[in-house]
Amino acid sequence: MGVPSTEVPSVLRVKPGDPDNSYIIQKLEGHAAVGAQMPFGCPNTQPCLTASTIAFIRQWITNGAPPAAAAAAPMSAPLAVTSIVPDGMEPVSGPPPQVMVAFNHELDVSQLATHSMHFEKLAAGATSTPVEQVAARLAVSSANLRALMVWPARPLSAGHYRLVVDATSSSRFSDIAGQTVALGTPDERGQAVISTFDVEVRP
């Protein structure tokens, strides 16, 4: 934040309040004056970030790029989910490396082992008939205790997916103050559906 970029020192990596003149946005959107679009190899060897993910970063910069502690909601506010990426608003142009669930408070990571999730590929033309299940791994980075990251155990092929909490697992997550919130919406089998998205794998 406020640091000159290496490739174009006249442009700051992150210019608080000004996403258009922040080098990170220029690189992610692919219109920087120097170098390739990021993540490197996008869109040929790996997927680019989705528009919703870039919009999330844009909004953070527009808000002044506050550090995690300053951005956190007061602990008196109820624990809540602030965003989910991908969120089903647009197709993902390749297998997503992870799903991110952002909260307004820091999570109690000691409870993470009590939760389990999986990805379900749904039958074409059906809204809720799973034809394939992919295990998921959950983690919360020590650098940002308000972001739950969920990785598929293997790359997802093209199709319609949803991320669900296992029926034997609790869908309620808690923060460091002990407040809880339930993730997702119950499906026909009682599993909590967190995110639904399409994967469009490019040839």
N, C-alpha and C. Protein backbone atom coordinates (compact mmCIF):
# COMPACT_ATOMS: atom_id res chain seq x y z
N MET A 1 0.85 -1.17 0.00
CA MET A 1 0.00 0.00 0.00
C MET A 1 0.89 1.24 0.00
N GLY A 2 0.71 2.10 -1.01
CA GLY A 2 1.52 3.29 -1.09
C GLY A 2 2.95 3.05 -1.52
N VAL A 3 3.24 1.83 -2.01
CA VAL A 3 4.60 1.46 -2.43
C VAL A 3 4.67 1.46 -3.96
N PRO A 4 5.70 2.08 -4.55
CA PRO A 4 5.81 2.08 -6.02
C PRO A 4 5.92 0.65 -6.55
N SER A 5 5.31 0.41 -7.69
CA SER A 5 5.43 -0.90 -8.32
C SER A 5 6.84 -1.05 -8.90
N THR A 6 7.29 -2.30 -9.02
CA THR A 6 8.63 -2.55 -9.53
C THR A 6 8.71 -2.26 -11.03
N GLU A 7 7.69 -2.67 -11.78
CA GLU A 7 7.71 -2.53 -13.24
C GLU A 7 7.48 -1.09 -13.68
N VAL A 8 6.59 -0.37 -12.98
CA VAL A 8 6.29 1.03 -13.32
C VAL A 8 6.32 1.83 -12.01
N PRO A 9 7.49 2.30 -11.58
CA PRO A 9 7.61 2.97 -10.29
C PRO A 9 6.72 4.20 -10.12
N SER A 10 6.28 4.80 -11.22
CA SER A 10 5.42 5.98 -11.12
C SER A 10 3.99 5.61 -10.71
N VAL A 11 3.67 4.32 -10.72
CA VAL A 11 2.34 3.85 -10.33
C VAL A 11 2.48 3.03 -9.05
N LEU A 12 1.67 3.37 -8.04
CA LEU A 12 1.72 2.64 -6.78
C LEU A 12 1.08 1.27 -6.92
N ARG A 13 1.61 0.31 -6.19
CA ARG A 13 1.02 -1.03 -6.21
C ARG A 13 -0.45 -0.96 -5.78
N VAL A 14 -0.69 -0.29 -4.65
CA VAL A 14 -2.05 -0.04 -4.17
C VAL A 14 -2.14 1.42 -3.79
N LYS A 15 -3.00 2.17 -4.51
CA LYS A 15 -3.23 3.58 -4.20
C LYS A 15 -4.58 3.68 -3.49
N PRO A 16 -4.58 3.82 -2.17
CA PRO A 16 -5.84 3.83 -1.42
C PRO A 16 -6.85 4.81 -1.97
N GLY A 17 -8.08 4.32 -2.20
CA GLY A 17 -9.15 5.15 -2.71
C GLY A 17 -9.18 5.27 -4.22
N ASP A 18 -8.18 4.72 -4.92
CA ASP A 18 -8.08 4.89 -6.37
C ASP A 18 -7.70 3.57 -7.04
N PRO A 19 -8.68 2.67 -7.22
CA PRO A 19 -8.34 1.37 -7.83
C PRO A 19 -7.83 1.47 -9.26
N ASP A 20 -8.34 2.42 -10.05
CA ASP A 20 -7.92 2.52 -11.46
C ASP A 20 -6.44 2.84 -11.58
N ASN A 21 -5.89 3.56 -10.62
CA ASN A 21 -4.47 3.92 -10.64
C ASN A 21 -3.66 3.09 -9.66
N SER A 22 -4.18 1.91 -9.30
CA SER A 22 -3.45 0.95 -8.49
C SER A 22 -2.92 -0.14 -9.42
N TYR A 23 -1.60 -0.41 -9.35
CA TYR A 23 -0.98 -1.33 -10.30
C TYR A 23 -1.55 -2.74 -10.18
N ILE A 24 -1.95 -3.13 -8.98
CA ILE A 24 -2.50 -4.49 -8.81
C ILE A 24 -3.75 -4.68 -9.66
N ILE A 25 -4.60 -3.66 -9.73
CA ILE A 25 -5.82 -3.76 -10.55
C ILE A 25 -5.46 -3.77 -12.03
N GLN A 26 -4.52 -2.94 -12.42
CA GLN A 26 -4.11 -2.92 -13.83
C GLN A 26 -3.57 -4.28 -14.26
N LYS A 27 -2.81 -4.93 -13.37
CA LYS A 27 -2.26 -6.25 -13.70
C LYS A 27 -3.35 -7.32 -13.73
N LEU A 28 -4.25 -7.28 -12.77
CA LEU A 28 -5.31 -8.29 -12.71
C LEU A 28 -6.28 -8.16 -13.88
N GLU A 29 -6.52 -6.93 -14.34
CA GLU A 29 -7.45 -6.71 -15.45
C GLU A 29 -6.76 -6.80 -16.81
N GLY A 30 -5.42 -6.86 -16.81
CA GLY A 30 -4.68 -7.09 -18.05
C GLY A 30 -4.43 -5.86 -18.90
N HIS A 31 -4.44 -4.66 -18.29
CA HIS A 31 -4.17 -3.46 -19.10
C HIS A 31 -3.01 -2.64 -18.53
N ALA A 32 -2.11 -3.30 -17.80
CA ALA A 32 -0.91 -2.61 -17.31
C ALA A 32 0.02 -2.30 -18.48
N ALA A 33 0.79 -1.23 -18.36
CA ALA A 33 1.67 -0.81 -19.45
C ALA A 33 2.82 -1.79 -19.67
N VAL A 34 3.17 -2.57 -18.65
CA VAL A 34 4.31 -3.47 -18.74
C VAL A 34 3.92 -4.85 -18.24
N GLY A 35 4.47 -5.88 -18.88
CA GLY A 35 4.30 -7.24 -18.37
C GLY A 35 2.97 -7.88 -18.73
N ALA A 36 2.81 -9.13 -18.29
CA ALA A 36 1.64 -9.93 -18.62
C ALA A 36 0.55 -9.77 -17.57
N GLN A 37 -0.66 -10.20 -17.96
CA GLN A 37 -1.77 -10.21 -17.01
C GLN A 37 -1.49 -11.21 -15.90
N MET A 38 -1.93 -10.88 -14.72
CA MET A 38 -1.76 -11.77 -13.57
C MET A 38 -3.10 -12.38 -13.19
N PRO A 39 -3.14 -13.57 -12.59
CA PRO A 39 -2.00 -14.44 -12.28
C PRO A 39 -1.25 -14.85 -13.55
N PHE A 40 0.05 -15.03 -13.43
CA PHE A 40 0.87 -15.32 -14.59
C PHE A 40 0.37 -16.59 -15.28
N GLY A 41 0.26 -16.49 -16.61
CA GLY A 41 -0.25 -17.62 -17.39
C GLY A 41 -1.72 -17.50 -17.71
N CYS A 42 -2.41 -16.56 -17.11
CA CYS A 42 -3.84 -16.34 -17.37
C CYS A 42 -3.98 -15.69 -18.74
N PRO A 43 -4.87 -16.09 -19.61
CA PRO A 43 -5.85 -17.15 -19.42
C PRO A 43 -5.44 -18.48 -20.07
N ASN A 44 -4.19 -18.60 -20.51
CA ASN A 44 -3.80 -19.78 -21.29
C ASN A 44 -3.51 -21.02 -20.45
N THR A 45 -2.70 -20.87 -19.41
CA THR A 45 -2.32 -22.04 -18.63
C THR A 45 -3.01 -22.12 -17.28
N GLN A 46 -3.67 -21.05 -16.86
CA GLN A 46 -4.47 -21.07 -15.64
C GLN A 46 -5.54 -20.00 -15.74
N PRO A 47 -6.64 -20.14 -14.98
CA PRO A 47 -7.72 -19.17 -15.09
C PRO A 47 -7.36 -17.81 -14.52
N CYS A 48 -7.94 -16.78 -15.11
CA CYS A 48 -7.82 -15.44 -14.56
C CYS A 48 -8.75 -15.33 -13.35
N LEU A 49 -8.55 -14.31 -12.54
CA LEU A 49 -9.49 -14.08 -11.46
C LEU A 49 -10.84 -13.68 -12.05
N THR A 50 -11.92 -14.08 -11.41
CA THR A 50 -13.24 -13.72 -11.89
C THR A 50 -13.50 -12.23 -11.67
N ALA A 51 -14.46 -11.69 -12.42
CA ALA A 51 -14.82 -10.28 -12.28
C ALA A 51 -15.28 -9.98 -10.87
N SER A 52 -15.97 -10.94 -10.23
CA SER A 52 -16.45 -10.70 -8.87
C SER A 52 -15.29 -10.62 -7.88
N THR A 53 -14.24 -11.43 -8.09
CA THR A 53 -13.08 -11.37 -7.21
C THR A 53 -12.35 -10.05 -7.38
N ILE A 54 -12.16 -9.62 -8.63
CA ILE A 54 -11.49 -8.34 -8.88
C ILE A 54 -12.32 -7.19 -8.31
N ALA A 55 -13.65 -7.28 -8.45
CA ALA A 55 -14.52 -6.25 -7.89
C ALA A 55 -14.37 -6.17 -6.37
N PHE A 56 -14.16 -7.33 -5.73
CA PHE A 56 -13.96 -7.38 -4.28
C PHE A 56 -12.68 -6.61 -3.92
N ILE A 57 -11.59 -6.82 -4.69
CA ILE A 57 -10.33 -6.12 -4.44
C ILE A 57 -10.48 -4.63 -4.75
N ARG A 58 -11.20 -4.32 -5.83
CA ARG A 58 -11.46 -2.92 -6.17
C ARG A 58 -12.17 -2.19 -5.03
N GLN A 59 -13.18 -2.85 -4.47
CA GLN A 59 -13.95 -2.23 -3.40
C GLN A 59 -13.07 -1.99 -2.17
N TRP A 60 -12.19 -2.94 -1.88
CA TRP A 60 -11.26 -2.78 -0.76
C TRP A 60 -10.38 -1.54 -0.96
N ILE A 61 -9.86 -1.35 -2.18
CA ILE A 61 -9.03 -0.18 -2.48
C ILE A 61 -9.87 1.09 -2.41
N THR A 62 -11.09 1.05 -2.98
CA THR A 62 -11.99 2.20 -2.93
C THR A 62 -12.26 2.62 -1.49
N ASN A 63 -12.36 1.64 -0.61
CA ASN A 63 -12.62 1.91 0.81
C ASN A 63 -11.38 2.43 1.54
N GLY A 64 -10.28 2.62 0.82
CA GLY A 64 -9.06 3.13 1.44
C GLY A 64 -8.05 2.06 1.76
N ALA A 65 -8.27 0.82 1.29
CA ALA A 65 -7.36 -0.31 1.53
C ALA A 65 -7.06 -0.47 3.01
N PRO A 66 -8.09 -0.56 3.85
CA PRO A 66 -7.84 -0.65 5.30
C PRO A 66 -7.21 -1.98 5.66
N PRO A 67 -6.32 -1.98 6.65
CA PRO A 67 -5.77 -3.26 7.14
C PRO A 67 -6.86 -4.06 7.80
N ALA A 68 -6.62 -5.36 8.00
CA ALA A 68 -7.65 -6.25 8.53
C ALA A 68 -8.22 -5.77 9.85
N ALA A 69 -7.37 -5.29 10.75
CA ALA A 69 -7.86 -4.86 12.06
C ALA A 69 -8.79 -3.67 11.93
N ALA A 70 -8.46 -2.72 11.05
CA ALA A 70 -9.30 -1.53 10.89
C ALA A 70 -10.58 -1.86 10.17
N ALA A 71 -10.54 -2.87 9.30
CA ALA A 71 -11.72 -3.19 8.51
C ALA A 71 -12.71 -4.05 9.28
N ALA A 72 -12.27 -4.64 10.37
CA ALA A 72 -13.15 -5.55 11.11
C ALA A 72 -14.32 -4.82 11.71
N ALA A 73 -15.48 -5.48 11.73
CA ALA A 73 -16.66 -4.89 12.34
C ALA A 73 -16.51 -4.94 13.85
N PRO A 74 -17.18 -4.02 14.57
CA PRO A 74 -17.13 -4.08 16.03
C PRO A 74 -17.64 -5.44 16.51
N MET A 75 -17.03 -5.95 17.58
CA MET A 75 -17.42 -7.26 18.07
C MET A 75 -18.86 -7.27 18.57
N SER A 76 -19.43 -6.07 18.81
CA SER A 76 -20.82 -6.03 19.23
C SER A 76 -21.77 -6.36 18.09
N ALA A 77 -21.28 -6.19 16.84
CA ALA A 77 -22.10 -6.54 15.68
C ALA A 77 -22.16 -8.05 15.55
N PRO A 78 -23.29 -8.60 15.09
CA PRO A 78 -23.40 -10.06 14.94
C PRO A 78 -22.39 -10.58 13.91
N LEU A 79 -21.89 -11.79 14.15
CA LEU A 79 -21.03 -12.44 13.18
C LEU A 79 -21.84 -12.66 11.90
N ALA A 80 -21.25 -12.31 10.76
CA ALA A 80 -21.97 -12.44 9.48
C ALA A 80 -20.99 -12.70 8.35
N VAL A 81 -21.50 -13.29 7.27
CA VAL A 81 -20.72 -13.47 6.04
C VAL A 81 -20.83 -12.19 5.23
N THR A 82 -19.68 -11.65 4.80
CA THR A 82 -19.70 -10.41 4.01
C THR A 82 -19.60 -10.67 2.51
N SER A 83 -19.00 -11.79 2.11
CA SER A 83 -18.94 -12.12 0.68
C SER A 83 -18.51 -13.57 0.50
N ILE A 84 -18.90 -14.12 -0.67
CA ILE A 84 -18.50 -15.47 -1.07
C ILE A 84 -18.04 -15.39 -2.53
N VAL A 85 -16.86 -15.92 -2.82
CA VAL A 85 -16.31 -15.90 -4.18
C VAL A 85 -15.81 -17.29 -4.53
N PRO A 86 -16.25 -17.91 -5.65
CA PRO A 86 -17.28 -17.44 -6.57
C PRO A 86 -18.67 -17.58 -5.95
N ASP A 87 -19.57 -16.71 -6.41
CA ASP A 87 -20.90 -16.66 -5.79
C ASP A 87 -22.04 -17.00 -6.74
N GLY A 88 -21.71 -17.53 -7.91
CA GLY A 88 -22.75 -17.95 -8.84
C GLY A 88 -23.26 -16.85 -9.75
N MET A 89 -22.73 -15.65 -9.62
CA MET A 89 -23.20 -14.54 -10.45
C MET A 89 -22.61 -14.60 -11.86
N GLU A 90 -21.54 -15.36 -12.05
CA GLU A 90 -20.90 -15.46 -13.35
C GLU A 90 -20.17 -16.79 -13.47
N PRO A 91 -19.99 -17.30 -14.69
CA PRO A 91 -19.24 -18.55 -14.85
C PRO A 91 -17.78 -18.35 -14.48
N VAL A 92 -17.15 -19.41 -13.98
CA VAL A 92 -15.72 -19.41 -13.70
C VAL A 92 -15.04 -19.99 -14.93
N SER A 93 -14.02 -19.27 -15.47
CA SER A 93 -13.42 -19.68 -16.74
C SER A 93 -12.43 -20.82 -16.61
N GLY A 94 -12.35 -21.44 -15.49
CA GLY A 94 -11.48 -22.59 -15.27
C GLY A 94 -11.74 -23.14 -13.89
N PRO A 95 -11.18 -24.28 -13.55
CA PRO A 95 -11.40 -24.83 -12.22
C PRO A 95 -10.96 -23.84 -11.14
N PRO A 96 -11.83 -23.41 -10.25
CA PRO A 96 -11.41 -22.43 -9.25
C PRO A 96 -10.40 -23.06 -8.28
N PRO A 97 -9.30 -22.33 -7.98
CA PRO A 97 -8.33 -22.88 -7.04
C PRO A 97 -8.91 -22.98 -5.64
N GLN A 98 -9.87 -22.11 -5.31
CA GLN A 98 -10.51 -22.18 -4.01
C GLN A 98 -11.79 -21.35 -4.00
N VAL A 99 -12.61 -21.59 -3.00
CA VAL A 99 -13.76 -20.75 -2.71
C VAL A 99 -13.40 -19.97 -1.44
N MET A 100 -13.69 -18.66 -1.44
CA MET A 100 -13.40 -17.84 -0.28
C MET A 100 -14.71 -17.37 0.35
N VAL A 101 -14.83 -17.56 1.66
CA VAL A 101 -15.97 -17.06 2.43
C VAL A 101 -15.42 -16.03 3.41
N ALA A 102 -15.81 -14.76 3.24
CA ALA A 102 -15.29 -13.69 4.10
C ALA A 102 -16.31 -13.36 5.19
N PHE A 103 -15.80 -13.17 6.39
CA PHE A 103 -16.63 -12.84 7.56
C PHE A 103 -16.28 -11.44 8.06
N ASN A 104 -17.14 -10.88 8.88
CA ASN A 104 -16.87 -9.55 9.44
C ASN A 104 -16.10 -9.61 10.76
N HIS A 105 -15.89 -10.81 11.30
CA HIS A 105 -15.09 -10.98 12.52
C HIS A 105 -14.04 -12.07 12.29
N GLU A 106 -13.03 -12.10 13.14
CA GLU A 106 -12.03 -13.15 13.07
C GLU A 106 -12.64 -14.46 13.56
N LEU A 107 -12.37 -15.53 12.82
CA LEU A 107 -12.94 -16.84 13.15
C LEU A 107 -12.15 -17.53 14.26
N ASP A 108 -12.83 -18.39 14.98
CA ASP A 108 -12.19 -19.24 15.98
C ASP A 108 -11.62 -20.45 15.24
N VAL A 109 -10.33 -20.40 14.94
CA VAL A 109 -9.72 -21.45 14.12
C VAL A 109 -9.62 -22.77 14.88
N SER A 110 -9.72 -22.73 16.20
CA SER A 110 -9.64 -23.98 16.97
C SER A 110 -10.85 -24.87 16.69
N GLN A 111 -11.93 -24.30 16.14
CA GLN A 111 -13.14 -25.06 15.85
C GLN A 111 -13.16 -25.60 14.41
N LEU A 112 -12.13 -25.23 13.62
CA LEU A 112 -12.16 -25.56 12.19
C LEU A 112 -12.21 -27.05 11.93
N ALA A 113 -11.56 -27.84 12.76
CA ALA A 113 -11.49 -29.28 12.55
C ALA A 113 -12.86 -29.95 12.71
N THR A 114 -13.82 -29.26 13.31
CA THR A 114 -15.15 -29.85 13.49
C THR A 114 -16.03 -29.67 12.26
N HIS A 115 -15.52 -28.99 11.25
CA HIS A 115 -16.30 -28.72 10.03
C HIS A 115 -15.73 -29.51 8.86
N SER A 116 -16.60 -29.96 7.98
CA SER A 116 -16.15 -30.61 6.75
C SER A 116 -17.11 -30.26 5.62
N MET A 117 -16.56 -30.14 4.41
CA MET A 117 -17.34 -29.75 3.24
C MET A 117 -16.92 -30.59 2.04
N HIS A 118 -17.71 -30.51 0.98
CA HIS A 118 -17.34 -31.14 -0.28
C HIS A 118 -18.01 -30.41 -1.43
N PHE A 119 -17.46 -30.59 -2.62
CA PHE A 119 -18.04 -30.04 -3.84
C PHE A 119 -18.89 -31.12 -4.49
N GLU A 120 -20.04 -30.74 -5.02
CA GLU A 120 -20.90 -31.66 -5.76
C GLU A 120 -21.07 -31.15 -7.19
N LYS A 121 -20.82 -32.04 -8.16
CA LYS A 121 -21.13 -31.72 -9.55
C LYS A 121 -22.56 -32.17 -9.80
N LEU A 122 -23.37 -31.28 -10.37
CA LEU A 122 -24.79 -31.57 -10.55
C LEU A 122 -25.08 -32.03 -11.97
N ALA A 123 -26.09 -32.88 -12.11
CA ALA A 123 -26.48 -33.40 -13.43
C ALA A 123 -26.95 -32.27 -14.31
N ALA A 124 -26.64 -32.36 -15.60
CA ALA A 124 -27.07 -31.35 -16.56
C ALA A 124 -28.59 -31.28 -16.59
N GLY A 125 -29.11 -30.07 -16.56
CA GLY A 125 -30.56 -29.88 -16.62
C GLY A 125 -31.27 -30.06 -15.29
N ALA A 126 -30.54 -30.52 -14.28
CA ALA A 126 -31.14 -30.70 -12.95
C ALA A 126 -30.52 -29.69 -12.00
N THR A 127 -31.30 -29.23 -11.06
CA THR A 127 -30.79 -28.22 -10.14
C THR A 127 -30.18 -28.80 -8.89
N SER A 128 -30.51 -30.05 -8.55
CA SER A 128 -30.03 -30.55 -7.27
C SER A 128 -29.68 -32.04 -7.25
N THR A 129 -29.42 -32.62 -8.43
CA THR A 129 -29.06 -34.04 -8.47
C THR A 129 -27.55 -34.19 -8.63
N PRO A 130 -26.82 -34.57 -7.55
CA PRO A 130 -25.37 -34.70 -7.68
C PRO A 130 -24.98 -35.96 -8.43
N VAL A 131 -24.00 -35.83 -9.32
CA VAL A 131 -23.49 -36.98 -10.07
C VAL A 131 -22.04 -37.29 -9.72
N GLU A 132 -21.41 -36.39 -8.97
CA GLU A 132 -20.00 -36.57 -8.61
C GLU A 132 -19.73 -35.75 -7.35
N GLN A 133 -18.86 -36.28 -6.50
CA GLN A 133 -18.52 -35.58 -5.27
C GLN A 133 -17.00 -35.44 -5.17
N VAL A 134 -16.53 -34.25 -4.81
CA VAL A 134 -15.10 -33.97 -4.67
C VAL A 134 -14.85 -33.47 -3.25
N ALA A 135 -13.95 -34.12 -2.55
CA ALA A 135 -13.63 -33.71 -1.18
C ALA A 135 -13.05 -32.31 -1.17
N ALA A 136 -13.17 -31.64 -0.02
CA ALA A 136 -12.66 -30.28 0.12
C ALA A 136 -11.78 -30.16 1.36
N ARG A 137 -10.86 -29.22 1.30
CA ARG A 137 -9.98 -28.92 2.43
C ARG A 137 -10.24 -27.49 2.88
N LEU A 138 -10.34 -27.27 4.19
CA LEU A 138 -10.64 -25.97 4.75
C LEU A 138 -9.41 -25.40 5.45
N ALA A 139 -9.25 -24.08 5.36
CA ALA A 139 -8.14 -23.43 6.06
C ALA A 139 -8.47 -21.97 6.29
N VAL A 140 -7.89 -21.40 7.33
CA VAL A 140 -7.96 -19.96 7.60
C VAL A 140 -6.52 -19.49 7.75
N SER A 141 -6.12 -18.50 6.94
CA SER A 141 -4.75 -18.00 6.99
C SER A 141 -4.53 -17.18 8.25
N SER A 142 -3.36 -17.34 8.85
CA SER A 142 -3.03 -16.53 10.03
C SER A 142 -2.91 -15.06 9.67
N ALA A 143 -2.74 -14.75 8.37
CA ALA A 143 -2.65 -13.36 7.94
C ALA A 143 -4.02 -12.70 7.84
N ASN A 144 -5.08 -13.50 7.74
CA ASN A 144 -6.43 -12.94 7.66
C ASN A 144 -7.40 -13.95 8.26
N LEU A 145 -7.69 -13.78 9.53
CA LEU A 145 -8.55 -14.73 10.26
C LEU A 145 -10.02 -14.55 9.93
N ARG A 146 -10.34 -13.63 9.03
CA ARG A 146 -11.74 -13.41 8.65
C ARG A 146 -12.08 -14.06 7.31
N ALA A 147 -11.13 -14.78 6.72
CA ALA A 147 -11.35 -15.41 5.41
C ALA A 147 -11.19 -16.92 5.51
N LEU A 148 -12.28 -17.63 5.25
CA LEU A 148 -12.27 -19.09 5.19
C LEU A 148 -12.01 -19.51 3.76
N MET A 149 -10.96 -20.30 3.53
CA MET A 149 -10.62 -20.77 2.19
C MET A 149 -10.96 -22.25 2.08
N VAL A 150 -11.58 -22.63 0.96
CA VAL A 150 -11.98 -24.02 0.73
C VAL A 150 -11.43 -24.46 -0.62
N TRP A 151 -10.58 -25.51 -0.62
CA TRP A 151 -9.96 -26.01 -1.84
C TRP A 151 -10.56 -27.36 -2.23
N PRO A 152 -10.84 -27.58 -3.53
CA PRO A 152 -11.20 -28.94 -3.96
C PRO A 152 -9.97 -29.83 -3.92
N ALA A 153 -10.16 -31.11 -3.60
CA ALA A 153 -9.04 -32.04 -3.50
C ALA A 153 -8.40 -32.31 -4.86
N ARG A 154 -9.12 -32.06 -5.93
CA ARG A 154 -8.58 -32.21 -7.28
C ARG A 154 -9.25 -31.20 -8.18
N PRO A 155 -8.67 -30.90 -9.37
CA PRO A 155 -9.27 -29.91 -10.26
C PRO A 155 -10.70 -30.31 -10.66
N LEU A 156 -11.55 -29.32 -10.81
CA LEU A 156 -12.94 -29.56 -11.19
C LEU A 156 -13.08 -29.49 -12.71
N SER A 157 -13.74 -30.48 -13.29
CA SER A 157 -14.01 -30.46 -14.72
C SER A 157 -15.15 -29.49 -15.00
N ALA A 158 -15.43 -29.25 -16.29
CA ALA A 158 -16.50 -28.33 -16.66
C ALA A 158 -17.84 -28.86 -16.14
N GLY A 159 -18.67 -27.95 -15.68
CA GLY A 159 -19.98 -28.35 -15.19
C GLY A 159 -20.54 -27.40 -14.17
N HIS A 160 -21.67 -27.77 -13.60
CA HIS A 160 -22.38 -26.97 -12.61
C HIS A 160 -22.11 -27.57 -11.23
N TYR A 161 -21.63 -26.75 -10.29
CA TYR A 161 -21.19 -27.23 -8.99
C TYR A 161 -21.86 -26.47 -7.85
N ARG A 162 -21.82 -27.12 -6.69
CA ARG A 162 -22.16 -26.42 -5.47
C ARG A 162 -21.22 -26.90 -4.37
N LEU A 163 -20.93 -26.00 -3.44
CA LEU A 163 -20.13 -26.33 -2.27
C LEU A 163 -21.07 -26.48 -1.09
N VAL A 164 -21.02 -27.63 -0.44
CA VAL A 164 -21.95 -27.90 0.65
C VAL A 164 -21.21 -28.35 1.90
N VAL A 165 -21.84 -28.10 3.05
CA VAL A 165 -21.34 -28.61 4.32
C VAL A 165 -21.83 -30.05 4.44
N ASP A 166 -20.94 -30.96 4.82
CA ASP A 166 -21.32 -32.36 4.97
C ASP A 166 -22.48 -32.49 5.96
N ALA A 167 -23.36 -33.43 5.68
CA ALA A 167 -24.54 -33.62 6.51
C ALA A 167 -24.18 -33.96 7.96
N THR A 168 -23.02 -34.58 8.15
CA THR A 168 -22.59 -34.96 9.51
C THR A 168 -21.83 -33.85 10.22
N SER A 169 -21.66 -32.71 9.55
CA SER A 169 -20.86 -31.62 10.10
C SER A 169 -21.76 -30.43 10.43
N SER A 170 -21.34 -29.62 11.37
CA SER A 170 -22.10 -28.42 11.73
C SER A 170 -21.86 -27.33 10.68
N SER A 171 -22.91 -26.59 10.34
CA SER A 171 -22.76 -25.47 9.40
C SER A 171 -22.56 -24.16 10.15
N ARG A 172 -22.50 -24.21 11.47
CA ARG A 172 -22.34 -23.00 12.27
C ARG A 172 -20.86 -22.76 12.56
N PHE A 173 -20.40 -21.57 12.18
CA PHE A 173 -19.02 -21.15 12.44
C PHE A 173 -19.05 -20.11 13.55
N SER A 174 -17.98 -20.06 14.32
CA SER A 174 -17.94 -19.12 15.45
C SER A 174 -16.73 -18.20 15.36
N ASP A 175 -16.87 -17.01 15.95
CA ASP A 175 -15.76 -16.07 16.00
C ASP A 175 -15.04 -16.21 17.33
N ILE A 176 -14.01 -15.40 17.54
CA ILE A 176 -13.20 -15.53 18.74
C ILE A 176 -13.95 -15.11 20.00
N ALA A 177 -15.10 -14.43 19.83
CA ALA A 177 -15.91 -14.04 20.99
C ALA A 177 -17.00 -15.06 21.28
N GLY A 178 -17.09 -16.11 20.45
CA GLY A 178 -18.09 -17.15 20.68
C GLY A 178 -19.40 -16.95 19.95
N GLN A 179 -19.52 -15.87 19.18
CA GLN A 179 -20.73 -15.69 18.37
C GLN A 179 -20.72 -16.69 17.23
N THR A 180 -21.90 -17.17 16.82
CA THR A 180 -21.97 -18.15 15.75
C THR A 180 -22.87 -17.66 14.62
N VAL A 181 -22.63 -18.22 13.44
CA VAL A 181 -23.48 -17.95 12.28
C VAL A 181 -23.52 -19.22 11.44
N ALA A 182 -24.68 -19.53 10.89
CA ALA A 182 -24.83 -20.70 10.03
C ALA A 182 -24.54 -20.32 8.59
N LEU A 183 -23.75 -21.13 7.91
CA LEU A 183 -23.44 -20.90 6.51
C LEU A 183 -24.45 -21.62 5.62
N GLY A 184 -24.77 -20.99 4.50
CA GLY A 184 -25.52 -21.66 3.46
C GLY A 184 -27.01 -21.79 3.70
N THR A 185 -27.65 -22.42 2.72
CA THR A 185 -29.09 -22.67 2.72
C THR A 185 -29.32 -24.17 2.63
N PRO A 186 -30.15 -24.75 3.48
CA PRO A 186 -30.36 -26.20 3.45
C PRO A 186 -30.90 -26.69 2.11
N ASP A 187 -30.35 -27.81 1.62
CA ASP A 187 -30.87 -28.41 0.39
C ASP A 187 -31.87 -29.50 0.75
N GLU A 188 -32.25 -30.31 -0.25
CA GLU A 188 -33.27 -31.33 -0.06
C GLU A 188 -32.83 -32.45 0.89
N ARG A 189 -31.50 -32.57 1.12
CA ARG A 189 -30.98 -33.60 2.03
C ARG A 189 -30.52 -33.03 3.36
N GLY A 190 -30.79 -31.74 3.57
CA GLY A 190 -30.42 -31.13 4.84
C GLY A 190 -29.01 -30.59 4.89
N GLN A 191 -28.27 -30.69 3.77
CA GLN A 191 -26.92 -30.14 3.72
C GLN A 191 -27.01 -28.64 3.44
N ALA A 192 -26.11 -27.88 4.03
CA ALA A 192 -26.09 -26.43 3.81
C ALA A 192 -25.29 -26.12 2.55
N VAL A 193 -25.94 -25.50 1.55
CA VAL A 193 -25.29 -25.12 0.30
C VAL A 193 -24.69 -23.74 0.48
N ILE A 194 -23.36 -23.64 0.33
CA ILE A 194 -22.66 -22.38 0.56
C ILE A 194 -22.53 -21.56 -0.72
N SER A 195 -22.18 -22.23 -1.82
CA SER A 195 -21.96 -21.53 -3.08
C SER A 195 -22.33 -22.43 -4.23
N THR A 196 -22.91 -21.86 -5.27
CA THR A 196 -23.24 -22.59 -6.50
C THR A 196 -22.62 -21.83 -7.67
N PHE A 197 -21.91 -22.54 -8.53
CA PHE A 197 -21.20 -21.85 -9.63
C PHE A 197 -21.00 -22.81 -10.79
N ASP A 198 -20.74 -22.24 -11.97
CA ASP A 198 -20.45 -23.01 -13.17
C ASP A 198 -18.97 -22.91 -13.49
N VAL A 199 -18.38 -24.02 -13.90
CA VAL A 199 -16.99 -24.03 -14.36
C VAL A 199 -17.00 -24.25 -15.86
N GLU A 200 -16.42 -23.30 -16.58
CA GLU A 200 -16.28 -23.40 -18.04
C GLU A 200 -14.80 -23.54 -18.35
N VAL A 201 -14.34 -24.76 -18.59
CA VAL A 201 -12.93 -25.01 -18.86
C VAL A 201 -12.63 -24.73 -20.31
N ARG A 202 -11.70 -23.82 -20.54
CA ARG A 202 -11.35 -23.47 -21.91
C ARG A 202 -10.48 -24.57 -22.55
N PRO A 203 -10.66 -24.80 -23.87
CA PRO A 203 -9.84 -25.84 -24.53
C PRO A 203 -8.37 -25.45 -24.58
